[in-house]
């Protein structure tokens, strides 16, 4: 699947779910439950043990049904490892030019983290495909509108306290997609620890249904 199709899938499905586990096995099992609940956009951070193994495993099991991103990518070495494992997007909490350049050259989606207008301009100049507005909690949906003024057409993906209650507001403000944490915003930390994968799947369904509502409202 080429980059244009990955970007389309992200925009169409809207909600990216981050799963950061204490072990590779815990992360894989939880991701499978999230997918069973309807999640189609999964991000595996490199702060997860054996993240590249998890990415490779998810890609092998779910194929093109699920878009798998590598998150918290801080070095070119991590970016290379992620791409070689099948990651379809490289996500970072910051703008680090070598990592963005690597993703651009390898033809995978680049999503560096930005907050300020200067960081956004730098990321766009480097060729970033998406702007991860991180953390968005202190800024709120209105901030997206301010950024879309001087940078019309940019694809902003807010992360950091996206919830069932504010998804619509972020989408209405112009968010291309949104990011939620499985163990944070989705409130699944206990379920992950107790291996309550039925609860993981049920919660995923609630969030995916809200994402569908957001997309439907945006299409009107």
C-alpha atoms as a PDB file:
ATOM      1  CA  UNK A   1       0.000   0.000   0.000  1.00  0.00           C
ATOM      2  CA  UNK A   2       1.568   3.300  -1.059  1.00  0.00           C
ATOM      3  CA  UNK A   3       1.718   6.459   1.039  1.00  0.00           C
ATOM      4  CA  UNK A   4      -1.265   8.146  -0.607  1.00  0.00           C
ATOM      5  CA  UNK A   5      -3.508   5.212   0.293  1.00  0.00           C
ATOM      6  CA  UNK A   6      -2.193   5.155   3.873  1.00  0.00           C
ATOM      7  CA  UNK A   7      -2.996   8.853   4.233  1.00  0.00           C
ATOM      8  CA  UNK A   8      -6.454   8.297   2.813  1.00  0.00           C
ATOM      9  CA  UNK A   9      -7.096   5.482   5.264  1.00  0.00           C
ATOM     10  CA  UNK A  10      -5.984   7.654   8.180  1.00  0.00           C
ATOM     11  CA  UNK A  11      -8.293  10.464   7.115  1.00  0.00           C
ATOM     12  CA  UNK A  12     -11.209   8.109   6.439  1.00  0.00           C
ATOM     13  CA  UNK A  13     -10.932   6.148   9.701  1.00  0.00           C
ATOM     14  CA  UNK A  14      -9.919   9.208  11.766  1.00  0.00           C
ATOM     15  CA  UNK A  15      -8.968   7.603  15.081  1.00  0.00           C
ATOM     16  CA  UNK A  16      -5.428   6.329  15.746  1.00  0.00           C
ATOM     17  CA  UNK A  17      -5.052   4.181  18.874  1.00  0.00           C
ATOM     18  CA  UNK A  18      -1.687   4.071  20.660  1.00  0.00           C
ATOM     19  CA  UNK A  19      -0.854   0.940  22.597  1.00  0.00           C
ATOM     20  CA  UNK A  20       2.204   1.175  24.831  1.00  0.00           C
ATOM     21  CA  UNK A  21       2.653  -2.042  26.811  1.00  0.00           C
ATOM     22  CA  UNK A  22       5.179  -3.260  29.349  1.00  0.00           C
ATOM     23  CA  UNK A  23       5.977  -6.311  27.215  1.00  0.00           C
ATOM     24  CA  UNK A  24       5.729  -7.182  23.542  1.00  0.00           C
ATOM     25  CA  UNK A  25       3.286  -9.977  24.349  1.00  0.00           C
ATOM     26  CA  UNK A  26       0.996  -7.655  26.315  1.00  0.00           C
ATOM     27  CA  UNK A  27       1.079  -5.097  23.519  1.00  0.00           C
ATOM     28  CA  UNK A  28       0.339  -7.617  20.783  1.00  0.00           C
ATOM     29  CA  UNK A  29      -2.568  -9.217  22.626  1.00  0.00           C
ATOM     30  CA  UNK A  30      -4.115  -5.841  23.438  1.00  0.00           C
ATOM     31  CA  UNK A  31      -3.696  -4.635  19.856  1.00  0.00           C
ATOM     32  CA  UNK A  32      -5.464  -7.757  18.614  1.00  0.00           C
ATOM     33  CA  UNK A  33      -8.361  -6.999  20.982  1.00  0.00           C
ATOM     34  CA  UNK A  34      -8.468  -3.392  19.785  1.00  0.00           C
ATOM     35  CA  UNK A  35      -8.657  -4.612  16.202  1.00  0.00           C
ATOM     36  CA  UNK A  36     -11.409  -7.038  17.179  1.00  0.00           C
ATOM     37  CA  UNK A  37     -13.284  -3.999  18.484  1.00  0.00           C
ATOM     38  CA  UNK A  38     -12.960  -2.219  15.153  1.00  0.00           C
ATOM     39  CA  UNK A  39      -9.718  -0.259  15.447  1.00  0.00           C
ATOM     40  CA  UNK A  40      -7.986  -0.007  12.078  1.00  0.00           C
ATOM     41  CA  UNK A  41      -5.242   2.533  12.887  1.00  0.00           C
ATOM     42  CA  UNK A  42      -2.736   1.292  15.480  1.00  0.00           C
ATOM     43  CA  UNK A  43       0.412   3.033  16.723  1.00  0.00           C
ATOM     44  CA  UNK A  44       3.131   1.068  18.517  1.00  0.00           C
ATOM     45  CA  UNK A  45       5.564   3.416  20.325  1.00  0.00           C
ATOM     46  CA  UNK A  46       9.258   2.603  20.410  1.00  0.00           C
ATOM     47  CA  UNK A  47       9.057   2.937  24.201  1.00  0.00           C
ATOM     48  CA  UNK A  48       7.388  -0.491  24.042  1.00  0.00           C
ATOM     49  CA  UNK A  49       9.831  -3.388  24.480  1.00  0.00           C
ATOM     50  CA  UNK A  50      10.584  -5.066  21.139  1.00  0.00           C
ATOM     51  CA  UNK A  51       8.388  -2.557  19.328  1.00  0.00           C
ATOM     52  CA  UNK A  52       9.664  -3.613  15.920  1.00  0.00           C
ATOM     53  CA  UNK A  53       8.675  -7.227  16.652  1.00  0.00           C
ATOM     54  CA  UNK A  54       5.177  -6.103  17.596  1.00  0.00           C
ATOM     55  CA  UNK A  55       4.878  -4.072  14.399  1.00  0.00           C
ATOM     56  CA  UNK A  56       6.045  -7.000  12.290  1.00  0.00           C
ATOM     57  CA  UNK A  57       3.624  -9.354  14.022  1.00  0.00           C
ATOM     58  CA  UNK A  58       0.627  -7.046  13.607  1.00  0.00           C
ATOM     59  CA  UNK A  59       1.373  -6.500   9.937  1.00  0.00           C
ATOM     60  CA  UNK A  60       1.680 -10.248   9.367  1.00  0.00           C
ATOM     61  CA  UNK A  61      -1.580 -11.078  11.162  1.00  0.00           C
ATOM     62  CA  UNK A  62      -3.797  -8.249   9.992  1.00  0.00           C
ATOM     63  CA  UNK A  63      -2.332  -7.254   6.623  1.00  0.00           C
ATOM     64  CA  UNK A  64      -3.861  -4.243   4.907  1.00  0.00           C
ATOM     65  CA  UNK A  65      -6.916  -4.359   7.179  1.00  0.00           C
ATOM     66  CA  UNK A  66      -4.917  -2.353   9.738  1.00  0.00           C
ATOM     67  CA  UNK A  67      -2.513   0.576   9.289  1.00  0.00           C
ATOM     68  CA  UNK A  68       0.391   0.195  11.719  1.00  0.00           C
ATOM     69  CA  UNK A  69       2.479   3.217  12.708  1.00  0.00           C
ATOM     70  CA  UNK A  70       5.690   3.377  14.723  1.00  0.00           C
ATOM     71  CA  UNK A  71       5.515   5.997  17.467  1.00  0.00           C
ATOM     72  CA  UNK A  72       8.012   7.850  19.650  1.00  0.00           C
ATOM     73  CA  UNK A  73      10.612   7.507  16.914  1.00  0.00           C
ATOM     74  CA  UNK A  74      13.538   9.658  18.025  1.00  0.00           C
ATOM     75  CA  UNK A  75      16.420   8.470  15.835  1.00  0.00           C
ATOM     76  CA  UNK A  76      17.070   7.487  12.242  1.00  0.00           C
ATOM     77  CA  UNK A  77      18.105   4.054  13.478  1.00  0.00           C
ATOM     78  CA  UNK A  78      14.688   3.562  15.062  1.00  0.00           C
ATOM     79  CA  UNK A  79      12.979   4.847  11.922  1.00  0.00           C
ATOM     80  CA  UNK A  80      14.918   2.393   9.777  1.00  0.00           C
ATOM     81  CA  UNK A  81      14.122  -0.485  12.125  1.00  0.00           C
ATOM     82  CA  UNK A  82      10.438   0.477  12.076  1.00  0.00           C
ATOM     83  CA  UNK A  83      10.218   0.642   8.281  1.00  0.00           C
ATOM     84  CA  UNK A  84      12.059  -2.645   7.884  1.00  0.00           C
ATOM     85  CA  UNK A  85       9.504  -4.182  10.266  1.00  0.00           C
ATOM     86  CA  UNK A  86       6.616  -2.944   8.131  1.00  0.00           C
ATOM     87  CA  UNK A  87       5.625   0.349   9.777  1.00  0.00           C
ATOM     88  CA  UNK A  88       3.551   2.466   7.404  1.00  0.00           C
ATOM     89  CA  UNK A  89       4.039   5.743   9.266  1.00  0.00           C
ATOM     90  CA  UNK A  90       6.776   7.263  11.399  1.00  0.00           C
ATOM     91  CA  UNK A  91       5.474   9.315  14.337  1.00  0.00           C
ATOM     92  CA  UNK A  92       7.617  11.448  16.642  1.00  0.00           C
ATOM     93  CA  UNK A  93       6.895  13.723  19.603  1.00  0.00           C
ATOM     94  CA  UNK A  94       9.154  16.387  18.072  1.00  0.00           C
ATOM     95  CA  UNK A  95      10.544  17.695  14.794  1.00  0.00           C
ATOM     96  CA  UNK A  96      13.895  16.011  14.196  1.00  0.00           C
ATOM     97  CA  UNK A  97      14.948  16.718  10.580  1.00  0.00           C
ATOM     98  CA  UNK A  98      16.913  13.472   9.991  1.00  0.00           C
ATOM     99  CA  UNK A  99      13.921  11.339  11.004  1.00  0.00           C
ATOM    100  CA  UNK A 100      11.484  13.315   8.851  1.00  0.00           C
ATOM    101  CA  UNK A 101      13.915  13.199   5.928  1.00  0.00           C
ATOM    102  CA  UNK A 102      14.322   9.434   6.299  1.00  0.00           C
ATOM    103  CA  UNK A 103      10.556   8.865   6.199  1.00  0.00           C
ATOM    104  CA  UNK A 104      10.197  11.115   3.171  1.00  0.00           C
ATOM    105  CA  UNK A 105      12.981   9.326   1.303  1.00  0.00           C
ATOM    106  CA  UNK A 106      11.552   5.895   2.152  1.00  0.00           C
ATOM    107  CA  UNK A 107       8.070   6.882   1.036  1.00  0.00           C
ATOM    108  CA  UNK A 108       6.289   6.300   4.347  1.00  0.00           C
ATOM    109  CA  UNK A 109       4.027   8.750   6.141  1.00  0.00           C
ATOM    110  CA  UNK A 110       5.884  11.240   8.330  1.00  0.00           C
ATOM    111  CA  UNK A 111       4.103  12.710  11.370  1.00  0.00           C
ATOM    112  CA  UNK A 112       6.380  14.789  13.607  1.00  0.00           C
ATOM    113  CA  UNK A 113       5.116  16.422  16.783  1.00  0.00           C
ATOM    114  CA  UNK A 114       4.646  20.194  16.719  1.00  0.00           C
ATOM    115  CA  UNK A 115       3.137  22.898  18.895  1.00  0.00           C
ATOM    116  CA  UNK A 116       4.253  26.278  17.592  1.00  0.00           C
ATOM    117  CA  UNK A 117       3.776  27.909  14.164  1.00  0.00           C
ATOM    118  CA  UNK A 118       7.554  27.778  13.687  1.00  0.00           C
ATOM    119  CA  UNK A 119       7.688  24.025  14.337  1.00  0.00           C
ATOM    120  CA  UNK A 120       4.821  23.465  11.919  1.00  0.00           C
ATOM    121  CA  UNK A 121       6.578  25.519   9.240  1.00  0.00           C
ATOM    122  CA  UNK A 122       9.807  23.595   9.769  1.00  0.00           C
ATOM    123  CA  UNK A 123       7.999  20.246   9.531  1.00  0.00           C
ATOM    124  CA  UNK A 124       6.202  21.241   6.345  1.00  0.00           C
ATOM    125  CA  UNK A 125       9.450  22.496   4.817  1.00  0.00           C
ATOM    126  CA  UNK A 126      11.022  19.100   5.502  1.00  0.00           C
ATOM    127  CA  UNK A 127       8.165  17.345   3.722  1.00  0.00           C
ATOM    128  CA  UNK A 128       6.126  16.014   6.662  1.00  0.00           C
ATOM    129  CA  UNK A 129       2.763  14.599   5.602  1.00  0.00           C
ATOM    130  CA  UNK A 130       0.906  15.089   8.887  1.00  0.00           C
ATOM    131  CA  UNK A 131       1.393  17.428  11.817  1.00  0.00           C
ATOM    132  CA  UNK A 132       0.957  15.774  15.207  1.00  0.00           C
ATOM    133  CA  UNK A 133      -0.302  18.579  17.436  1.00  0.00           C
ATOM    134  CA  UNK A 134       1.239  17.414  20.689  1.00  0.00           C
ATOM    135  CA  UNK A 135       0.311  17.929  23.388  1.00  0.00           C
ATOM    136  CA  UNK A 136      -3.025  19.393  22.345  1.00  0.00           C
ATOM    137  CA  UNK A 137      -4.478  19.447  25.880  1.00  0.00           C
ATOM    138  CA  UNK A 138      -3.216  22.940  26.706  1.00  0.00           C
ATOM    139  CA  UNK A 139      -4.225  24.303  23.300  1.00  0.00           C
ATOM    140  CA  UNK A 140      -7.698  22.952  22.542  1.00  0.00           C
ATOM    141  CA  UNK A 141      -9.654  22.700  19.286  1.00  0.00           C
ATOM    142  CA  UNK A 142      -9.656  26.450  18.635  1.00  0.00           C
ATOM    143  CA  UNK A 143      -5.878  26.384  18.176  1.00  0.00           C
ATOM    144  CA  UNK A 144      -6.300  24.248  15.050  1.00  0.00           C
ATOM    145  CA  UNK A 145      -8.287  27.037  13.438  1.00  0.00           C
ATOM    146  CA  UNK A 146      -5.518  29.518  14.149  1.00  0.00           C
ATOM    147  CA  UNK A 147      -2.953  27.229  12.497  1.00  0.00           C
ATOM    148  CA  UNK A 148      -5.120  26.493   9.465  1.00  0.00           C
ATOM    149  CA  UNK A 149      -5.215  30.225   8.759  1.00  0.00           C
ATOM    150  CA  UNK A 150      -1.536  30.751   7.860  1.00  0.00           C
ATOM    151  CA  UNK A 151      -1.105  27.112   6.762  1.00  0.00           C
ATOM    152  CA  UNK A 152      -4.264  26.280   4.771  1.00  0.00           C
ATOM    153  CA  UNK A 153      -4.673  22.673   3.821  1.00  0.00           C
ATOM    154  CA  UNK A 154      -2.291  21.207   6.384  1.00  0.00           C
ATOM    155  CA  UNK A 155      -3.321  17.916   7.940  1.00  0.00           C
ATOM    156  CA  UNK A 156      -3.277  18.308  11.723  1.00  0.00           C
ATOM    157  CA  UNK A 157      -3.609  15.276  14.010  1.00  0.00           C
ATOM    158  CA  UNK A 158      -4.133  16.315  17.654  1.00  0.00           C
ATOM    159  CA  UNK A 159      -2.844  14.022  20.407  1.00  0.00           C
ATOM    160  CA  UNK A 160      -2.891  14.349  24.168  1.00  0.00           C
ATOM    161  CA  UNK A 161      -6.295  14.092  25.881  1.00  0.00           C
ATOM    162  CA  UNK A 162      -8.593  13.348  22.935  1.00  0.00           C
ATOM    163  CA  UNK A 163     -11.782  11.868  24.414  1.00  0.00           C
ATOM    164  CA  UNK A 164     -15.252  10.691  23.446  1.00  0.00           C
ATOM    165  CA  UNK A 165     -16.526  14.074  24.602  1.00  0.00           C
ATOM    166  CA  UNK A 166     -14.231  16.312  22.524  1.00  0.00           C
ATOM    167  CA  UNK A 167     -13.628  14.316  19.332  1.00  0.00           C
ATOM    168  CA  UNK A 168     -16.375  16.145  17.481  1.00  0.00           C
ATOM    169  CA  UNK A 169     -15.021  19.553  18.480  1.00  0.00           C
ATOM    170  CA  UNK A 170     -11.558  18.703  17.195  1.00  0.00           C
ATOM    171  CA  UNK A 171     -12.966  17.346  13.938  1.00  0.00           C
ATOM    172  CA  UNK A 172     -15.181  20.413  13.538  1.00  0.00           C
ATOM    173  CA  UNK A 173     -12.110  22.605  14.070  1.00  0.00           C
ATOM    174  CA  UNK A 174     -10.378  20.868  11.163  1.00  0.00           C
ATOM    175  CA  UNK A 175      -8.489  17.897  12.595  1.00  0.00           C
ATOM    176  CA  UNK A 176      -7.498  15.458   9.850  1.00  0.00           C
ATOM    177  CA  UNK A 177      -7.499  12.630  12.430  1.00  0.00           C
ATOM    178  CA  UNK A 178      -7.123  12.196  16.173  1.00  0.00           C
ATOM    179  CA  UNK A 179      -5.000  10.090  18.518  1.00  0.00           C
ATOM    180  CA  UNK A 180      -6.040   8.299  21.707  1.00  0.00           C
ATOM    181  CA  UNK A 181      -4.036   6.172  24.117  1.00  0.00           C
ATOM    182  CA  UNK A 182      -5.448   2.745  24.928  1.00  0.00           C
ATOM    183  CA  UNK A 183      -4.284   2.864  28.542  1.00  0.00           C
ATOM    184  CA  UNK A 184      -4.877   6.594  29.028  1.00  0.00           C
ATOM    185  CA  UNK A 185      -7.802   8.257  27.238  1.00  0.00           C
ATOM    186  CA  UNK A 186      -9.539   4.921  26.648  1.00  0.00           C
ATOM    187  CA  UNK A 187      -9.081   4.030  30.340  1.00  0.00           C
ATOM    188  CA  UNK A 188      -7.904   0.489  29.661  1.00  0.00           C
ATOM    189  CA  UNK A 189      -4.843   0.234  31.898  1.00  0.00           C
ATOM    190  CA  UNK A 190      -6.507  -2.150  34.353  1.00  0.00           C
ATOM    191  CA  UNK A 191      -8.063  -4.198  31.559  1.00  0.00           C
ATOM    192  CA  UNK A 192      -4.660  -4.569  29.918  1.00  0.00           C
ATOM    193  CA  UNK A 193      -3.039  -5.692  33.186  1.00  0.00           C
ATOM    194  CA  UNK A 194      -5.800  -8.202  33.940  1.00  0.00           C
ATOM    195  CA  UNK A 195      -5.973  -9.382  30.329  1.00  0.00           C
ATOM    196  CA  UNK A 196      -9.626  -8.428  30.095  1.00  0.00           C
ATOM    197  CA  UNK A 197      -9.591  -8.370  26.314  1.00  0.00           C
ATOM    198  CA  UNK A 198     -13.389  -8.439  26.069  1.00  0.00           C
ATOM    199  CA  UNK A 199     -13.443  -5.073  27.827  1.00  0.00           C
ATOM    200  CA  UNK A 200     -10.695  -3.811  25.515  1.00  0.00           C
ATOM    201  CA  UNK A 201     -12.756  -4.782  22.475  1.00  0.00           C
ATOM    202  CA  UNK A 202     -15.965  -3.281  23.907  1.00  0.00           C
ATOM    203  CA  UNK A 203     -14.258   0.009  24.685  1.00  0.00           C
ATOM    204  CA  UNK A 204     -12.696   0.083  21.222  1.00  0.00           C
ATOM    205  CA  UNK A 205     -16.173  -0.297  19.726  1.00  0.00           C
ATOM    206  CA  UNK A 206     -17.398   2.751  21.650  1.00  0.00           C
ATOM    207  CA  UNK A 207     -14.511   4.870  20.395  1.00  0.00           C
ATOM    208  CA  UNK A 208     -14.797   3.606  16.821  1.00  0.00           C
ATOM    209  CA  UNK A 209     -18.522   4.337  16.805  1.00  0.00           C
ATOM    210  CA  UNK A 210     -17.820   7.901  17.922  1.00  0.00           C
ATOM    211  CA  UNK A 211     -15.180   8.198  15.193  1.00  0.00           C
ATOM    212  CA  UNK A 212     -17.774   7.048  12.634  1.00  0.00           C
ATOM    213  CA  UNK A 213     -20.177   9.707  13.897  1.00  0.00           C
ATOM    214  CA  UNK A 214     -17.436  12.310  13.565  1.00  0.00           C
ATOM    215  CA  UNK A 215     -16.708  11.248   9.990  1.00  0.00           C
ATOM    216  CA  UNK A 216     -20.369  11.179   9.051  1.00  0.00           C
ATOM    217  CA  UNK A 217     -20.927  14.669  10.438  1.00  0.00           C
ATOM    218  CA  UNK A 218     -17.838  15.952   8.626  1.00  0.00           C
ATOM    219  CA  UNK A 219     -19.116  14.554   5.302  1.00  0.00           C
ATOM    220  CA  UNK A 220     -22.374  16.528   5.482  1.00  0.00           C
END
